[in-house]
């Protein structure tokens, strides 16, 4: 099997409407399509990011402390993106970190899910 890349990531949310508003209006993702049961965003490079309400993605309830997966999104100009999102009220975890040819920062969505923005230098 040859792995060709990530094409989809899904995240469970309790309040789909609030989550769609956050990812579309605050973070700036482009909503591709939605229904009462899901919302799909363009995640860049042909990948999709899906939100599903009511914990339908996992078999067990989770809290932010129990979350085993962090979804990361690539960006250009990470410092500029941090400033933009801070102005929109996004809560970041710690400071921007860097190692060799990349830098990143984690943030929390309104549901307590941890996500990451990463810039390859």
PDB file of N, CA and C in Angstrom:
ATOM      1  N   UNK A   1       0.844  -1.180   0.000  1.00  0.00           N
ATOM      2  CA  UNK A   1       0.000   0.000   0.000  1.00  0.00           C
ATOM      3  C   UNK A   1       0.883   1.235   0.000  1.00  0.00           C
ATOM      4  N   UNK A   2       0.576   2.167  -0.864  1.00  0.00           N
ATOM      5  CA  UNK A   2       1.292   3.437  -0.915  1.00  0.00           C
ATOM      6  C   UNK A   2       0.384   4.524  -0.346  1.00  0.00           C
ATOM      7  N   UNK A   3       0.841   5.170   0.707  1.00  0.00           N
ATOM      8  CA  UNK A   3       0.096   6.270   1.308  1.00  0.00           C
ATOM      9  C   UNK A   3       0.297   7.514   0.456  1.00  0.00           C
ATOM     10  N   UNK A   4      -0.789   8.157   0.054  1.00  0.00           N
ATOM     11  CA  UNK A   4      -0.683   9.326  -0.821  1.00  0.00           C
ATOM     12  C   UNK A   4      -0.972  10.644  -0.120  1.00  0.00           C
ATOM     13  N   UNK A   5      -1.395  10.607   1.135  1.00  0.00           N
ATOM     14  CA  UNK A   5      -1.641  11.838   1.870  1.00  0.00           C
ATOM     15  C   UNK A   5      -2.951  11.783   2.630  1.00  0.00           C
ATOM     16  N   UNK A   6      -3.143  12.731   3.504  1.00  0.00           N
ATOM     17  CA  UNK A   6      -4.373  12.839   4.278  1.00  0.00           C
ATOM     18  C   UNK A   6      -5.444  13.467   3.398  1.00  0.00           C
ATOM     19  N   UNK A   7      -6.600  12.810   3.295  1.00  0.00           N
ATOM     20  CA  UNK A   7      -7.666  13.356   2.467  1.00  0.00           C
ATOM     21  C   UNK A   7      -8.882  13.792   3.276  1.00  0.00           C
ATOM     22  N   UNK A   8      -8.973  13.354   4.524  1.00  0.00           N
ATOM     23  CA  UNK A   8     -10.142  13.667   5.327  1.00  0.00           C
ATOM     24  C   UNK A   8      -9.803  13.552   6.799  1.00  0.00           C
ATOM     25  N   UNK A   9     -10.359  14.456   7.586  1.00  0.00           N
ATOM     26  CA  UNK A   9     -10.293  14.365   9.045  1.00  0.00           C
ATOM     27  C   UNK A   9     -11.671  14.737   9.568  1.00  0.00           C
ATOM     28  N   UNK A  10     -12.147  14.017  10.563  1.00  0.00           N
ATOM     29  CA  UNK A  10     -13.453  14.287  11.144  1.00  0.00           C
ATOM     30  C   UNK A  10     -13.339  14.567  12.625  1.00  0.00           C
ATOM     31  N   UNK A  11     -14.250  15.380  13.123  1.00  0.00           N
ATOM     32  CA  UNK A  11     -14.223  15.778  14.524  1.00  0.00           C
ATOM     33  C   UNK A  11     -15.647  15.765  15.065  1.00  0.00           C
ATOM     34  N   UNK A  12     -15.841  15.157  16.231  1.00  0.00           N
ATOM     35  CA  UNK A  12     -17.148  15.163  16.893  1.00  0.00           C
ATOM     36  C   UNK A  12     -17.334  16.469  17.642  1.00  0.00           C
ATOM     37  N   UNK A  13     -18.530  17.013  17.562  1.00  0.00           N
ATOM     38  CA  UNK A  13     -18.871  18.233  18.293  1.00  0.00           C
ATOM     39  C   UNK A  13     -20.237  18.049  18.935  1.00  0.00           C
ATOM     40  N   UNK A  14     -20.501  18.770  19.986  1.00  0.00           N
ATOM     41  CA  UNK A  14     -21.806  18.707  20.635  1.00  0.00           C
ATOM     42  C   UNK A  14     -22.791  19.680  19.995  1.00  0.00           C
ATOM     43  N   UNK A  15     -22.310  20.850  19.573  1.00  0.00           N
ATOM     44  CA  UNK A  15     -23.166  21.890  18.998  1.00  0.00           C
ATOM     45  C   UNK A  15     -22.671  22.189  17.586  1.00  0.00           C
ATOM     46  N   UNK A  16     -23.274  21.546  16.597  1.00  0.00           N
ATOM     47  CA  UNK A  16     -22.817  21.677  15.213  1.00  0.00           C
ATOM     48  C   UNK A  16     -22.921  23.115  14.719  1.00  0.00           C
ATOM     49  N   UNK A  17     -24.007  23.788  15.017  1.00  0.00           N
ATOM     50  CA  UNK A  17     -24.194  25.161  14.547  1.00  0.00           C
ATOM     51  C   UNK A  17     -23.097  26.084  15.084  1.00  0.00           C
ATOM     52  N   UNK A  18     -22.799  25.981  16.366  1.00  0.00           N
ATOM     53  CA  UNK A  18     -21.749  26.807  16.972  1.00  0.00           C
ATOM     54  C   UNK A  18     -20.388  26.463  16.387  1.00  0.00           C
ATOM     55  N   UNK A  19     -20.125  25.176  16.162  1.00  0.00           N
ATOM     56  CA  UNK A  19     -18.842  24.758  15.598  1.00  0.00           C
ATOM     57  C   UNK A  19     -18.680  25.256  14.167  1.00  0.00           C
ATOM     58  N   UNK A  20     -19.737  25.168  13.357  1.00  0.00           N
ATOM     59  CA  UNK A  20     -19.670  25.673  11.981  1.00  0.00           C
ATOM     60  C   UNK A  20     -19.381  27.168  11.993  1.00  0.00           C
ATOM     61  N   UNK A  21     -20.054  27.901  12.850  1.00  0.00           N
ATOM     62  CA  UNK A  21     -19.823  29.343  12.952  1.00  0.00           C
ATOM     63  C   UNK A  21     -18.366  29.636  13.312  1.00  0.00           C
ATOM     64  N   UNK A  22     -17.805  28.896  14.268  1.00  0.00           N
ATOM     65  CA  UNK A  22     -16.418  29.109  14.678  1.00  0.00           C
ATOM     66  C   UNK A  22     -15.454  28.834  13.530  1.00  0.00           C
ATOM     67  N   UNK A  23     -15.564  27.665  12.913  1.00  0.00           N
ATOM     68  CA  UNK A  23     -14.606  27.297  11.866  1.00  0.00           C
ATOM     69  C   UNK A  23     -14.775  28.138  10.603  1.00  0.00           C
ATOM     70  N   UNK A  24     -15.985  28.550  10.290  1.00  0.00           N
ATOM     71  CA  UNK A  24     -16.214  29.357   9.092  1.00  0.00           C
ATOM     72  C   UNK A  24     -15.934  30.835   9.350  1.00  0.00           C
ATOM     73  N   UNK A  25     -16.549  31.402  10.366  1.00  0.00           N
ATOM     74  CA  UNK A  25     -16.483  32.845  10.581  1.00  0.00           C
ATOM     75  C   UNK A  25     -15.265  33.309  11.361  1.00  0.00           C
ATOM     76  N   UNK A  26     -14.774  32.497  12.282  1.00  0.00           N
ATOM     77  CA  UNK A  26     -13.628  32.897  13.103  1.00  0.00           C
ATOM     78  C   UNK A  26     -12.320  32.405  12.495  1.00  0.00           C
ATOM     79  N   UNK A  27     -12.229  31.105  12.228  1.00  0.00           N
ATOM     80  CA  UNK A  27     -10.986  30.536  11.697  1.00  0.00           C
ATOM     81  C   UNK A  27     -10.840  30.816  10.205  1.00  0.00           C
ATOM     82  N   UNK A  28     -11.950  30.903   9.477  1.00  0.00           N
ATOM     83  CA  UNK A  28     -11.899  31.262   8.067  1.00  0.00           C
ATOM     84  C   UNK A  28     -11.932  30.104   7.090  1.00  0.00           C
ATOM     85  N   UNK A  29     -12.366  28.927   7.536  1.00  0.00           N
ATOM     86  CA  UNK A  29     -12.474  27.783   6.629  1.00  0.00           C
ATOM     87  C   UNK A  29     -13.647  27.998   5.670  1.00  0.00           C
ATOM     88  N   UNK A  30     -13.526  27.437   4.460  1.00  0.00           N
ATOM     89  CA  UNK A  30     -14.599  27.528   3.468  1.00  0.00           C
ATOM     90  C   UNK A  30     -15.511  26.312   3.608  1.00  0.00           C
ATOM     91  N   UNK A  31     -16.783  26.578   3.911  1.00  0.00           N
ATOM     92  CA  UNK A  31     -17.772  25.513   4.041  1.00  0.00           C
ATOM     93  C   UNK A  31     -18.131  25.006   2.647  1.00  0.00           C
ATOM     94  N   UNK A  32     -17.931  23.723   2.412  1.00  0.00           N
ATOM     95  CA  UNK A  32     -18.252  23.131   1.099  1.00  0.00           C
ATOM     96  C   UNK A  32     -19.707  22.702   1.031  1.00  0.00           C
ATOM     97  N   UNK A  33     -20.176  22.023   2.084  1.00  0.00           N
ATOM     98  CA  UNK A  33     -21.573  21.602   2.125  1.00  0.00           C
ATOM     99  C   UNK A  33     -21.906  21.201   3.566  1.00  0.00           C
ATOM    100  N   UNK A  34     -23.224  21.191   3.848  1.00  0.00           N
ATOM    101  CA  UNK A  34     -23.634  20.835   5.208  1.00  0.00           C
ATOM    102  C   UNK A  34     -25.075  20.345   5.209  1.00  0.00           C
ATOM    103  N   UNK A  35     -25.435  19.726   6.312  1.00  0.00           N
ATOM    104  CA  UNK A  35     -26.814  19.303   6.568  1.00  0.00           C
ATOM    105  C   UNK A  35     -27.028  19.423   8.069  1.00  0.00           C
ATOM    106  N   UNK A  36     -28.150  18.945   8.553  1.00  0.00           N
ATOM    107  CA  UNK A  36     -28.391  18.957   9.997  1.00  0.00           C
ATOM    108  C   UNK A  36     -27.498  17.960  10.720  1.00  0.00           C
ATOM    109  N   UNK A  37     -26.898  17.018   9.967  1.00  0.00           N
ATOM    110  CA  UNK A  37     -26.105  15.947  10.567  1.00  0.00           C
ATOM    111  C   UNK A  37     -24.605  16.064  10.366  1.00  0.00           C
ATOM    112  N   UNK A  38     -24.127  17.019   9.583  1.00  0.00           N
ATOM    113  CA  UNK A  38     -22.694  17.142   9.326  1.00  0.00           C
ATOM    114  C   UNK A  38     -22.394  18.453   8.608  1.00  0.00           C
ATOM    115  N   UNK A  39     -21.134  18.827   8.621  1.00  0.00           N
ATOM    116  CA  UNK A  39     -20.643  19.975   7.846  1.00  0.00           C
ATOM    117  C   UNK A  39     -19.251  19.617   7.349  1.00  0.00           C
ATOM    118  N   UNK A  40     -18.969  19.928   6.089  1.00  0.00           N
ATOM    119  CA  UNK A  40     -17.678  19.612   5.487  1.00  0.00           C
ATOM    120  C   UNK A  40     -17.027  20.900   4.996  1.00  0.00           C
ATOM    121  N   UNK A  41     -15.765  21.087   5.408  1.00  0.00           N
ATOM    122  CA  UNK A  41     -14.984  22.255   5.014  1.00  0.00           C
ATOM    123  C   UNK A  41     -13.849  21.844   4.095  1.00  0.00           C
ATOM    124  N   UNK A  42     -13.415  22.774   3.249  1.00  0.00           N
ATOM    125  CA  UNK A  42     -12.214  22.588   2.437  1.00  0.00           C
ATOM    126  C   UNK A  42     -11.025  22.801   3.362  1.00  0.00           C
ATOM    127  N   UNK A  43     -10.157  21.798   3.481  1.00  0.00           N
ATOM    128  CA  UNK A  43      -8.992  21.891   4.364  1.00  0.00           C
ATOM    129  C   UNK A  43      -7.708  22.166   3.586  1.00  0.00           C
ATOM    130  N   UNK A  44      -7.820  22.473   2.307  1.00  0.00           N
ATOM    131  CA  UNK A  44      -6.648  22.765   1.487  1.00  0.00           C
ATOM    132  C   UNK A  44      -6.031  21.514   0.897  1.00  0.00           C
ATOM    133  N   UNK A  45      -5.457  21.654  -0.272  1.00  0.00           N
ATOM    134  CA  UNK A  45      -4.776  20.545  -0.917  1.00  0.00           C
ATOM    135  C   UNK A  45      -5.679  19.370  -1.265  1.00  0.00           C
ATOM    136  N   UNK A  46      -6.974  19.623  -1.391  1.00  0.00           N
ATOM    137  CA  UNK A  46      -7.925  18.563  -1.707  1.00  0.00           C
ATOM    138  C   UNK A  46      -8.462  17.823  -0.499  1.00  0.00           C
ATOM    139  N   UNK A  47      -7.932  18.097   0.686  1.00  0.00           N
ATOM    140  CA  UNK A  47      -8.389  17.423   1.905  1.00  0.00           C
ATOM    141  C   UNK A  47      -9.679  18.056   2.422  1.00  0.00           C
ATOM    142  N   UNK A  48     -10.454  17.265   3.144  1.00  0.00           N
ATOM    143  CA  UNK A  48     -11.706  17.723   3.728  1.00  0.00           C
ATOM    144  C   UNK A  48     -11.642  17.618   5.247  1.00  0.00           C
ATOM    145  N   UNK A  49     -12.350  18.535   5.925  1.00  0.00           N
ATOM    146  CA  UNK A  49     -12.458  18.549   7.378  1.00  0.00           C
ATOM    147  C   UNK A  49     -13.946  18.516   7.704  1.00  0.00           C
ATOM    148  N   UNK A  50     -14.392  17.458   8.391  1.00  0.00           N
ATOM    149  CA  UNK A  50     -15.811  17.264   8.650  1.00  0.00           C
ATOM    150  C   UNK A  50     -16.133  17.382  10.135  1.00  0.00           C
ATOM    151  N   UNK A  51     -17.253  18.023  10.432  1.00  0.00           N
ATOM    152  CA  UNK A  51     -17.784  18.105  11.788  1.00  0.00           C
ATOM    153  C   UNK A  51     -19.067  17.285  11.833  1.00  0.00           C
ATOM    154  N   UNK A  52     -19.201  16.462  12.879  1.00  0.00           N
ATOM    155  CA  UNK A  52     -20.387  15.629  13.060  1.00  0.00           C
ATOM    156  C   UNK A  52     -20.866  15.817  14.497  1.00  0.00           C
ATOM    157  N   UNK A  53     -22.151  16.107  14.700  1.00  0.00           N
ATOM    158  CA  UNK A  53     -22.643  16.363  16.056  1.00  0.00           C
ATOM    159  C   UNK A  53     -22.864  15.104  16.880  1.00  0.00           C
ATOM    160  N   UNK A  54     -22.913  15.319  18.193  1.00  0.00           N
ATOM    161  CA  UNK A  54     -23.342  14.288  19.119  1.00  0.00           C
ATOM    162  C   UNK A  54     -22.382  13.157  19.380  1.00  0.00           C
ATOM    163  N   UNK A  55     -21.110  13.376  19.163  1.00  0.00           N
ATOM    164  CA  UNK A  55     -20.141  12.335  19.453  1.00  0.00           C
ATOM    165  C   UNK A  55     -20.217  11.147  18.517  1.00  0.00           C
ATOM    166  N   UNK A  56     -20.763  11.325  17.311  1.00  0.00           N
ATOM    167  CA  UNK A  56     -20.929  10.206  16.380  1.00  0.00           C
ATOM    168  C   UNK A  56     -19.608   9.701  15.819  1.00  0.00           C
ATOM    169  N   UNK A  57     -18.537  10.470  15.950  1.00  0.00           N
ATOM    170  CA  UNK A  57     -17.243  10.038  15.422  1.00  0.00           C
ATOM    171  C   UNK A  57     -16.551   9.040  16.339  1.00  0.00           C
ATOM    172  N   UNK A  58     -16.869   9.065  17.624  1.00  0.00           N
ATOM    173  CA  UNK A  58     -16.155   8.185  18.549  1.00  0.00           C
ATOM    174  C   UNK A  58     -17.132   7.270  19.272  1.00  0.00           C
ATOM    175  N   UNK A  59     -16.606   6.194  19.818  1.00  0.00           N
ATOM    176  CA  UNK A  59     -17.431   5.242  20.541  1.00  0.00           C
ATOM    177  C   UNK A  59     -17.554   5.585  22.015  1.00  0.00           C
ATOM    178  N   UNK A  60     -16.689   6.461  22.504  1.00  0.00           N
ATOM    179  CA  UNK A  60     -16.715   6.824  23.916  1.00  0.00           C
ATOM    180  C   UNK A  60     -16.662   8.340  24.050  1.00  0.00           C
ATOM    181  N   UNK A  61     -17.296   8.889  25.095  1.00  0.00           N
ATOM    182  CA  UNK A  61     -17.224  10.330  25.304  1.00  0.00           C
ATOM    183  C   UNK A  61     -15.792  10.758  25.595  1.00  0.00           C
ATOM    184  N   UNK A  62     -15.479  11.996  25.300  1.00  0.00           N
ATOM    185  CA  UNK A  62     -14.130  12.499  25.540  1.00  0.00           C
ATOM    186  C   UNK A  62     -14.191  13.914  26.097  1.00  0.00           C
ATOM    187  N   UNK A  63     -13.127  14.285  26.740  1.00  0.00           N
ATOM    188  CA  UNK A  63     -12.924  15.667  27.139  1.00  0.00           C
ATOM    189  C   UNK A  63     -11.653  16.122  26.447  1.00  0.00           C
ATOM    190  N   UNK A  64     -11.342  17.405  26.532  1.00  0.00           N
ATOM    191  CA  UNK A  64     -10.105  17.897  25.916  1.00  0.00           C
ATOM    192  C   UNK A  64      -8.893  17.176  26.492  1.00  0.00           C
ATOM    193  N   UNK A  65      -8.941  16.835  27.798  1.00  0.00           N
ATOM    194  CA  UNK A  65      -7.823  16.140  28.428  1.00  0.00           C
ATOM    195  C   UNK A  65      -7.669  14.718  27.899  1.00  0.00           C
ATOM    196  N   UNK A  66      -8.751  14.114  27.431  1.00  0.00           N
ATOM    197  CA  UNK A  66      -8.720  12.742  26.928  1.00  0.00           C
ATOM    198  C   UNK A  66      -8.466  12.665  25.427  1.00  0.00           C
ATOM    199  N   UNK A  67      -8.521  13.784  24.751  1.00  0.00           N
ATOM    200  CA  UNK A  67      -8.388  13.774  23.298  1.00  0.00           C
ATOM    201  C   UNK A  67      -7.043  13.193  22.896  1.00  0.00           C
ATOM    202  N   UNK A  68      -7.061  12.165  22.072  1.00  0.00           N
ATOM    203  CA  UNK A  68      -5.833  11.499  21.659  1.00  0.00           C
ATOM    204  C   UNK A  68      -5.331  11.999  20.318  1.00  0.00           C
ATOM    205  N   UNK A  69      -6.157  12.710  19.576  1.00  0.00           N
ATOM    206  CA  UNK A  69      -5.787  13.168  18.243  1.00  0.00           C
ATOM    207  C   UNK A  69      -5.833  14.684  18.197  1.00  0.00           C
ATOM    208  N   UNK A  70      -4.819  15.280  17.620  1.00  0.00           N
ATOM    209  CA  UNK A  70      -4.800  16.715  17.365  1.00  0.00           C
ATOM    210  C   UNK A  70      -4.757  16.882  15.855  1.00  0.00           C
ATOM    211  N   UNK A  71      -5.709  17.609  15.308  1.00  0.00           N
ATOM    212  CA  UNK A  71      -5.747  17.869  13.874  1.00  0.00           C
ATOM    213  C   UNK A  71      -4.937  19.129  13.607  1.00  0.00           C
ATOM    214  N   UNK A  72      -4.026  19.054  12.649  1.00  0.00           N
ATOM    215  CA  UNK A  72      -3.177  20.193  12.313  1.00  0.00           C
ATOM    216  C   UNK A  72      -3.468  20.712  10.917  1.00  0.00           C
ATOM    217  N   UNK A  73      -3.376  22.031  10.757  1.00  0.00           N
ATOM    218  CA  UNK A  73      -3.619  22.669   9.473  1.00  0.00           C
ATOM    219  C   UNK A  73      -2.417  23.514   9.090  1.00  0.00           C
ATOM    220  N   UNK A  74      -1.993  23.409   7.850  1.00  0.00           N
ATOM    221  CA  UNK A  74      -0.876  24.197   7.356  1.00  0.00           C
ATOM    222  C   UNK A  74      -1.305  25.613   7.035  1.00  0.00           C
ATOM    223  N   UNK A  75      -0.447  26.563   7.352  1.00  0.00           N
ATOM    224  CA  UNK A  75      -0.715  27.975   7.061  1.00  0.00           C
ATOM    225  C   UNK A  75       0.553  28.643   6.545  1.00  0.00           C
ATOM    226  N   UNK A  76       0.378  29.763   5.881  1.00  0.00           N
ATOM    227  CA  UNK A  76       1.484  30.656   5.548  1.00  0.00           C
ATOM    228  C   UNK A  76       1.494  31.740   6.617  1.00  0.00           C
ATOM    229  N   UNK A  77       2.631  32.293   6.932  1.00  0.00           N
ATOM    230  CA  UNK A  77       2.743  33.414   7.874  1.00  0.00           C
ATOM    231  C   UNK A  77       2.055  33.113   9.202  1.00  0.00           C
ATOM    232  N   UNK A  78       2.587  32.159   9.928  1.00  0.00           N
ATOM    233  CA  UNK A  78       1.996  31.764  11.206  1.00  0.00           C
ATOM    234  C   UNK A  78       1.863  32.934  12.183  1.00  0.00           C
ATOM    235  N   UNK A  79       2.884  33.783  12.374  1.00  0.00           N
ATOM    236  CA  UNK A  79       2.698  34.903  13.305  1.00  0.00           C
ATOM    237  C   UNK A  79       1.526  35.812  12.921  1.00  0.00           C
ATOM    238  N   UNK A  80       1.364  36.066  11.636  1.00  0.00           N
ATOM    239  CA  UNK A  80       0.245  36.890  11.181  1.00  0.00           C
ATOM    240  C   UNK A  80      -1.090  36.221  11.430  1.00  0.00           C
ATOM    241  N   UNK A  81      -1.145  34.920  11.217  1.00  0.00           N
ATOM    242  CA  UNK A  81      -2.382  34.166  11.435  1.00  0.00           C
ATOM    243  C   UNK A  81      -2.729  34.130  12.922  1.00  0.00           C
ATOM    244  N   UNK A  82      -1.714  34.019  13.784  1.00  0.00           N
ATOM    245  CA  UNK A  82      -1.950  34.048  15.233  1.00  0.00           C
ATOM    246  C   UNK A  82      -2.573  35.380  15.632  1.00  0.00           C
ATOM    247  N   UNK A  83      -2.004  36.482  15.156  1.00  0.00           N
ATOM    248  CA  UNK A  83      -2.542  37.811  15.486  1.00  0.00           C
ATOM    249  C   UNK A  83      -3.986  37.955  15.013  1.00  0.00           C
ATOM    250  N   UNK A  84      -4.255  37.490  13.804  1.00  0.00           N
ATOM    251  CA  UNK A  84      -5.604  37.569  13.242  1.00  0.00           C
ATOM    252  C   UNK A  84      -6.606  36.790  14.092  1.00  0.00           C
ATOM    253  N   UNK A  85      -6.237  35.580  14.484  1.00  0.00           N
ATOM    254  CA  UNK A  85      -7.155  34.752  15.264  1.00  0.00           C
ATOM    255  C   UNK A  85      -7.288  35.236  16.706  1.00  0.00           C
ATOM    256  N   UNK A  86      -6.210  35.776  17.283  1.00  0.00           N
ATOM    257  CA  UNK A  86      -6.309  36.355  18.631  1.00  0.00           C
ATOM    258  C   UNK A  86      -7.296  37.518  18.630  1.00  0.00           C
ATOM    259  N   UNK A  87      -7.274  38.320  17.570  1.00  0.00           N
ATOM    260  CA  UNK A  87      -8.204  39.443  17.462  1.00  0.00           C
ATOM    261  C   UNK A  87      -9.651  38.964  17.371  1.00  0.00           C
ATOM    262  N   UNK A  88      -9.848  37.735  16.921  1.00  0.00           N
ATOM    263  CA  UNK A  88     -11.189  37.150  16.817  1.00  0.00           C
ATOM    264  C   UNK A  88     -11.553  36.334  18.048  1.00  0.00           C
ATOM    265  N   UNK A  89     -10.687  36.351  19.075  1.00  0.00           N
ATOM    266  CA  UNK A  89     -11.001  35.695  20.338  1.00  0.00           C
ATOM    267  C   UNK A  89     -10.611  34.235  20.457  1.00  0.00           C
ATOM    268  N   UNK A  90      -9.777  33.730  19.547  1.00  0.00           N
ATOM    269  CA  UNK A  90      -9.352  32.333  19.616  1.00  0.00           C
ATOM    270  C   UNK A  90      -8.388  32.147  20.781  1.00  0.00           C
ATOM    271  N   UNK A  91      -8.568  31.081  21.551  1.00  0.00           N
ATOM    272  CA  UNK A  91      -7.707  30.772  22.689  1.00  0.00           C
ATOM    273  C   UNK A  91      -6.581  29.840  22.262  1.00  0.00           C
ATOM    274  N   UNK A  92      -5.341  30.307  22.398  1.00  0.00           N
ATOM    275  CA  UNK A  92      -4.170  29.509  22.057  1.00  0.00           C
ATOM    276  C   UNK A  92      -3.617  28.842  23.306  1.00  0.00           C
ATOM    277  N   UNK A  93      -2.956  27.706  23.102  1.00  0.00           N
ATOM    278  CA  UNK A  93      -2.329  26.965  24.191  1.00  0.00           C
ATOM    279  C   UNK A  93      -0.840  27.251  24.124  1.00  0.00           C
ATOM    280  N   UNK A  94      -0.331  27.985  25.084  1.00  0.00           N
ATOM    281  CA  UNK A  94       1.093  28.297  25.103  1.00  0.00           C
ATOM    282  C   UNK A  94       1.500  29.259  24.006  1.00  0.00           C
ATOM    283  N   UNK A  95       2.789  29.243  23.726  1.00  0.00           N
ATOM    284  CA  UNK A  95       3.377  30.136  22.728  1.00  0.00           C
ATOM    285  C   UNK A  95       3.715  29.357  21.464  1.00  0.00           C
ATOM    286  N   UNK A  96       4.018  30.094  20.409  1.00  0.00           N
ATOM    287  CA  UNK A  96       4.459  29.465  19.176  1.00  0.00           C
ATOM    288  C   UNK A  96       5.764  28.724  19.441  1.00  0.00           C
ATOM    289  N   UNK A  97       5.873  27.503  18.920  1.00  0.00           N
ATOM    290  CA  UNK A  97       7.082  26.697  19.060  1.00  0.00           C
ATOM    291  C   UNK A  97       7.709  26.510  17.692  1.00  0.00           C
ATOM    292  N   UNK A  98       9.008  26.205  17.681  1.00  0.00           N
ATOM    293  CA  UNK A  98       9.706  25.987  16.409  1.00  0.00           C
ATOM    294  C   UNK A  98      10.736  24.886  16.574  1.00  0.00           C
ATOM    295  N   UNK A  99      10.956  24.166  15.485  1.00  0.00           N
ATOM    296  CA  UNK A  99      11.993  23.150  15.442  1.00  0.00           C
ATOM    297  C   UNK A  99      12.425  23.002  13.995  1.00  0.00           C
ATOM    298  N   UNK A 100      13.695  23.204  13.757  1.00  0.00           N
ATOM    299  CA  UNK A 100      14.282  23.096  12.425  1.00  0.00           C
ATOM    300  C   UNK A 100      13.478  23.884  11.402  1.00  0.00           C
ATOM    301  N   UNK A 101      12.771  23.209  10.504  1.00  0.00           N
ATOM    302  CA  UNK A 101      12.150  23.901   9.374  1.00  0.00           C
ATOM    303  C   UNK A 101      10.649  24.144   9.531  1.00  0.00           C
ATOM    304  N   UNK A 102      10.154  24.175  10.763  1.00  0.00           N
ATOM    305  CA  UNK A 102       8.732  24.461  10.946  1.00  0.00           C
ATOM    306  C   UNK A 102       8.485  25.142  12.284  1.00  0.00           C
ATOM    307  N   UNK A 103       7.316  25.758  12.377  1.00  0.00           N
ATOM    308  CA  UNK A 103       6.863  26.352  13.635  1.00  0.00           C
ATOM    309  C   UNK A 103       5.360  26.124  13.735  1.00  0.00           C
ATOM    310  N   UNK A 104       4.845  26.073  14.970  1.00  0.00           N
ATOM    311  CA  UNK A 104       3.457  25.694  15.187  1.00  0.00           C
ATOM    312  C   UNK A 104       2.935  26.263  16.483  1.00  0.00           C
ATOM    313  N   UNK A 105       1.624  26.229  16.611  1.00  0.00           N
ATOM    314  CA  UNK A 105       0.940  26.620  17.837  1.00  0.00           C
ATOM    315  C   UNK A 105      -0.382  25.866  17.896  1.00  0.00           C
ATOM    316  N   UNK A 106      -0.807  25.543  19.091  1.00  0.00           N
ATOM    317  CA  UNK A 106      -2.080  24.845  19.279  1.00  0.00           C
ATOM    318  C   UNK A 106      -3.134  25.838  19.763  1.00  0.00           C
ATOM    319  N   UNK A 107      -4.386  25.556  19.409  1.00  0.00           N
ATOM    320  CA  UNK A 107      -5.501  26.371  19.883  1.00  0.00           C
ATOM    321  C   UNK A 107      -6.677  25.465  20.212  1.00  0.00           C
ATOM    322  N   UNK A 108      -7.665  26.040  20.866  1.00  0.00           N
ATOM    323  CA  UNK A 108      -8.827  25.285  21.327  1.00  0.00           C
ATOM    324  C   UNK A 108     -10.079  25.855  20.669  1.00  0.00           C
ATOM    325  N   UNK A 109     -10.937  24.957  20.160  1.00  0.00           N
ATOM    326  CA  UNK A 109     -12.209  25.413  19.599  1.00  0.00           C
ATOM    327  C   UNK A 109     -13.239  25.530  20.722  1.00  0.00           C
ATOM    328  N   UNK A 110     -14.441  26.038  20.448  1.00  0.00           N
ATOM    329  CA  UNK A 110     -15.443  26.214  21.511  1.00  0.00           C
ATOM    330  C   UNK A 110     -15.859  24.921  22.209  1.00  0.00           C
ATOM    331  N   UNK A 111     -15.595  23.768  21.602  1.00  0.00           N
ATOM    332  CA  UNK A 111     -15.948  22.474  22.189  1.00  0.00           C
ATOM    333  C   UNK A 111     -14.827  21.912  23.053  1.00  0.00           C
ATOM    334  N   UNK A 112     -13.672  22.576  23.067  1.00  0.00           N
ATOM    335  CA  UNK A 112     -12.529  22.081  23.821  1.00  0.00           C
ATOM    336  C   UNK A 112     -11.598  21.194  23.021  1.00  0.00           C
ATOM    337  N   UNK A 113     -11.849  21.048  21.708  1.00  0.00           N
ATOM    338  CA  UNK A 113     -10.962  20.266  20.849  1.00  0.00           C
ATOM    339  C   UNK A 113      -9.669  21.032  20.600  1.00  0.00           C
ATOM    340  N   UNK A 114      -8.555  20.323  20.665  1.00  0.00           N
ATOM    341  CA  UNK A 114      -7.245  20.932  20.435  1.00  0.00           C
ATOM    342  C   UNK A 114      -6.881  20.762  18.965  1.00  0.00           C
ATOM    343  N   UNK A 115      -6.497  21.869  18.331  1.00  0.00           N
ATOM    344  CA  UNK A 115      -6.064  21.857  16.939  1.00  0.00           C
ATOM    345  C   UNK A 115      -4.736  22.577  16.841  1.00  0.00           C
ATOM    346  N   UNK A 116      -4.073  22.426  15.712  1.00  0.00           N
ATOM    347  CA  UNK A 116      -2.747  23.022  15.553  1.00  0.00           C
ATOM    348  C   UNK A 116      -2.648  23.722  14.210  1.00  0.00           C
ATOM    349  N   UNK A 117      -1.982  24.864  14.215  1.00  0.00           N
ATOM    350  CA  UNK A 117      -1.603  25.559  12.987  1.00  0.00           C
ATOM    351  C   UNK A 117      -0.107  25.388  12.830  1.00  0.00           C
ATOM    352  N   UNK A 118       0.348  25.054  11.628  1.00  0.00           N
ATOM    353  CA  UNK A 118       1.771  24.796  11.399  1.00  0.00           C
ATOM    354  C   UNK A 118       2.220  25.458  10.109  1.00  0.00           C
ATOM    355  N   UNK A 119       3.389  26.089  10.174  1.00  0.00           N
ATOM    356  CA  UNK A 119       4.007  26.698   8.999  1.00  0.00           C
ATOM    357  C   UNK A 119       5.325  25.994   8.721  1.00  0.00           C
ATOM    358  N   UNK A 120       5.488  25.521   7.500  1.00  0.00           N
ATOM    359  CA  UNK A 120       6.757  24.941   7.078  1.00  0.00           C
ATOM    360  C   UNK A 120       7.587  26.080   6.517  1.00  0.00           C
ATOM    361  N   UNK A 121       8.796  26.242   7.063  1.00  0.00           N
ATOM    362  CA  UNK A 121       9.653  27.373   6.670  1.00  0.00           C
ATOM    363  C   UNK A 121      10.514  27.035   5.472  1.00  0.00           C
TER     364      UNK A 121
END
